[in-house]
N, C-alpha and C. Protein backbone atom coordinates (compact mmCIF):
# COMPACT_ATOMS: atom_id res chain seq x y z
N MET A 1 16.46 -7.95 24.52
CA MET A 1 15.78 -8.31 23.28
C MET A 1 16.81 -8.91 22.32
N SER A 2 16.44 -9.99 21.69
CA SER A 2 17.36 -10.66 20.77
C SER A 2 17.43 -9.90 19.45
N VAL A 3 18.47 -10.20 18.71
CA VAL A 3 18.65 -9.58 17.40
C VAL A 3 17.50 -9.97 16.47
N LYS A 4 17.07 -11.22 16.56
CA LYS A 4 15.96 -11.68 15.72
C LYS A 4 14.69 -10.90 16.03
N GLN A 5 14.41 -10.68 17.29
CA GLN A 5 13.22 -9.92 17.68
C GLN A 5 13.32 -8.47 17.22
N GLU A 6 14.52 -7.90 17.28
CA GLU A 6 14.72 -6.53 16.80
C GLU A 6 14.42 -6.43 15.32
N HIS A 7 14.84 -7.45 14.56
CA HIS A 7 14.58 -7.46 13.12
C HIS A 7 13.09 -7.58 12.84
N ILE A 8 12.41 -8.41 13.61
CA ILE A 8 10.96 -8.56 13.45
C ILE A 8 10.26 -7.24 13.74
N ASP A 9 10.66 -6.58 14.82
CA ASP A 9 10.06 -5.29 15.18
C ASP A 9 10.31 -4.24 14.10
N LEU A 10 11.54 -4.21 13.58
CA LEU A 10 11.87 -3.25 12.52
C LEU A 10 11.04 -3.54 11.27
N TYR A 11 10.91 -4.80 10.91
CA TYR A 11 10.11 -5.19 9.75
C TYR A 11 8.67 -4.71 9.91
N LYS A 12 8.11 -4.90 11.09
CA LYS A 12 6.73 -4.48 11.34
C LYS A 12 6.57 -2.97 11.20
N LYS A 13 7.55 -2.22 11.68
CA LYS A 13 7.50 -0.76 11.58
C LYS A 13 7.58 -0.32 10.11
N ILE A 14 8.47 -0.97 9.36
CA ILE A 14 8.62 -0.64 7.94
C ILE A 14 7.34 -0.97 7.19
N GLU A 15 6.77 -2.14 7.47
CA GLU A 15 5.53 -2.56 6.82
C GLU A 15 4.39 -1.58 7.13
N ALA A 16 4.29 -1.14 8.37
CA ALA A 16 3.23 -0.19 8.75
C ALA A 16 3.44 1.15 8.03
N GLY A 17 4.69 1.58 7.91
CA GLY A 17 5.00 2.82 7.22
C GLY A 17 4.65 2.75 5.74
N LEU A 18 4.93 1.61 5.11
CA LEU A 18 4.61 1.44 3.70
C LEU A 18 3.10 1.43 3.48
N LYS A 19 2.37 0.75 4.36
CA LYS A 19 0.91 0.73 4.24
C LYS A 19 0.34 2.14 4.35
N LEU A 20 0.87 2.92 5.28
CA LEU A 20 0.40 4.30 5.45
C LEU A 20 0.74 5.13 4.22
N ALA A 21 1.93 4.97 3.67
CA ALA A 21 2.35 5.74 2.50
C ALA A 21 1.47 5.40 1.30
N TYR A 22 1.19 4.10 1.09
CA TYR A 22 0.32 3.72 -0.02
C TYR A 22 -1.10 4.25 0.17
N HIS A 23 -1.58 4.21 1.40
CA HIS A 23 -2.91 4.73 1.67
C HIS A 23 -2.99 6.22 1.34
N LYS A 24 -2.00 6.97 1.74
CA LYS A 24 -1.97 8.41 1.44
C LYS A 24 -1.90 8.64 -0.07
N LEU A 25 -1.12 7.83 -0.77
CA LEU A 25 -1.01 7.94 -2.22
C LEU A 25 -2.36 7.69 -2.87
N TYR A 26 -3.04 6.63 -2.44
CA TYR A 26 -4.36 6.30 -3.01
C TYR A 26 -5.37 7.39 -2.72
N LEU A 27 -5.33 7.98 -1.52
CA LEU A 27 -6.24 9.08 -1.20
C LEU A 27 -6.01 10.27 -2.12
N GLN A 28 -4.75 10.60 -2.33
CA GLN A 28 -4.42 11.74 -3.17
C GLN A 28 -4.84 11.48 -4.62
N LYS A 29 -4.54 10.30 -5.11
CA LYS A 29 -4.91 9.96 -6.49
C LYS A 29 -6.42 9.90 -6.65
N ALA A 30 -7.13 9.35 -5.67
CA ALA A 30 -8.60 9.26 -5.74
C ALA A 30 -9.22 10.65 -5.74
N ALA A 31 -8.67 11.57 -4.97
CA ALA A 31 -9.20 12.93 -4.93
C ALA A 31 -9.11 13.60 -6.29
N ASN A 32 -8.09 13.21 -7.08
CA ASN A 32 -7.91 13.77 -8.41
C ASN A 32 -8.49 12.86 -9.51
N ASN A 33 -9.22 11.81 -9.08
CA ASN A 33 -9.81 10.86 -10.01
C ASN A 33 -8.78 10.26 -10.96
N GLU A 34 -7.64 9.83 -10.41
CA GLU A 34 -6.53 9.29 -11.19
C GLU A 34 -6.40 7.79 -10.98
N THR A 35 -5.56 7.19 -11.81
CA THR A 35 -5.28 5.76 -11.70
C THR A 35 -3.90 5.55 -11.09
N VAL A 36 -3.67 4.33 -10.65
CA VAL A 36 -2.38 3.93 -10.11
C VAL A 36 -1.91 2.74 -10.95
N VAL A 37 -0.62 2.74 -11.31
CA VAL A 37 -0.07 1.65 -12.09
C VAL A 37 0.37 0.55 -11.12
N VAL A 38 -0.18 -0.67 -11.34
CA VAL A 38 0.14 -1.80 -10.48
C VAL A 38 0.43 -3.02 -11.34
N SER A 39 1.06 -4.01 -10.72
CA SER A 39 1.31 -5.28 -11.39
C SER A 39 0.36 -6.31 -10.80
N ILE A 40 -0.45 -6.91 -11.66
CA ILE A 40 -1.38 -7.95 -11.24
C ILE A 40 -1.02 -9.21 -12.01
N ASN A 41 -0.53 -10.20 -11.28
CA ASN A 41 -0.06 -11.46 -11.87
C ASN A 41 0.96 -11.21 -12.98
N GLY A 42 1.86 -10.27 -12.73
CA GLY A 42 2.92 -9.95 -13.69
C GLY A 42 2.51 -9.06 -14.83
N GLU A 43 1.26 -8.66 -14.87
CA GLU A 43 0.76 -7.80 -15.94
C GLU A 43 0.56 -6.39 -15.40
N VAL A 44 1.08 -5.41 -16.12
CA VAL A 44 0.98 -4.00 -15.70
C VAL A 44 -0.42 -3.50 -16.04
N LYS A 45 -1.07 -2.91 -15.04
CA LYS A 45 -2.43 -2.41 -15.23
C LYS A 45 -2.57 -1.02 -14.60
N HIS A 46 -3.48 -0.24 -15.15
CA HIS A 46 -3.86 1.05 -14.58
C HIS A 46 -5.18 0.83 -13.85
N VAL A 47 -5.15 1.00 -12.54
CA VAL A 47 -6.33 0.75 -11.72
C VAL A 47 -6.77 2.06 -11.07
N PRO A 48 -8.06 2.38 -11.13
CA PRO A 48 -8.52 3.60 -10.46
C PRO A 48 -8.19 3.55 -8.97
N ALA A 49 -7.69 4.63 -8.45
CA ALA A 49 -7.28 4.68 -7.05
C ALA A 49 -8.46 4.40 -6.11
N ARG A 50 -9.63 4.78 -6.52
CA ARG A 50 -10.83 4.52 -5.69
C ARG A 50 -11.05 3.02 -5.49
N GLU A 51 -10.77 2.23 -6.51
CA GLU A 51 -10.90 0.78 -6.38
C GLU A 51 -9.88 0.23 -5.38
N LEU A 52 -8.67 0.77 -5.43
CA LEU A 52 -7.64 0.32 -4.51
C LEU A 52 -7.99 0.69 -3.07
N LEU A 53 -8.60 1.84 -2.88
CA LEU A 53 -9.03 2.24 -1.54
C LEU A 53 -10.11 1.29 -1.03
N LYS A 54 -11.02 0.91 -1.90
CA LYS A 54 -12.06 -0.03 -1.50
C LYS A 54 -11.45 -1.37 -1.09
N GLU A 55 -10.45 -1.82 -1.83
CA GLU A 55 -9.77 -3.08 -1.49
C GLU A 55 -9.06 -2.98 -0.16
N GLN A 56 -8.44 -1.84 0.11
CA GLN A 56 -7.75 -1.62 1.38
C GLN A 56 -8.73 -1.69 2.53
N GLU A 57 -9.91 -1.14 2.34
CA GLU A 57 -10.91 -1.14 3.42
C GLU A 57 -11.37 -2.55 3.77
N LYS A 58 -11.36 -3.45 2.80
CA LYS A 58 -11.76 -4.83 3.04
C LYS A 58 -10.77 -5.56 3.93
N HIS A 59 -9.49 -5.17 3.85
CA HIS A 59 -8.44 -5.88 4.59
C HIS A 59 -8.16 -5.13 5.82
């Protein structure tokens, strides 16, 4: 396996781990009816975690 392919594989694993971590965070926040602070087009917003979960389900 080439070094480039190893980097691609590592990137994919990191990306999958981050997606899982964010999903768990959104689940926890949604269970407590809380918001998550996000940046949308450079603007800081408080978004209900339930909305973010709905967006995740679409993708």
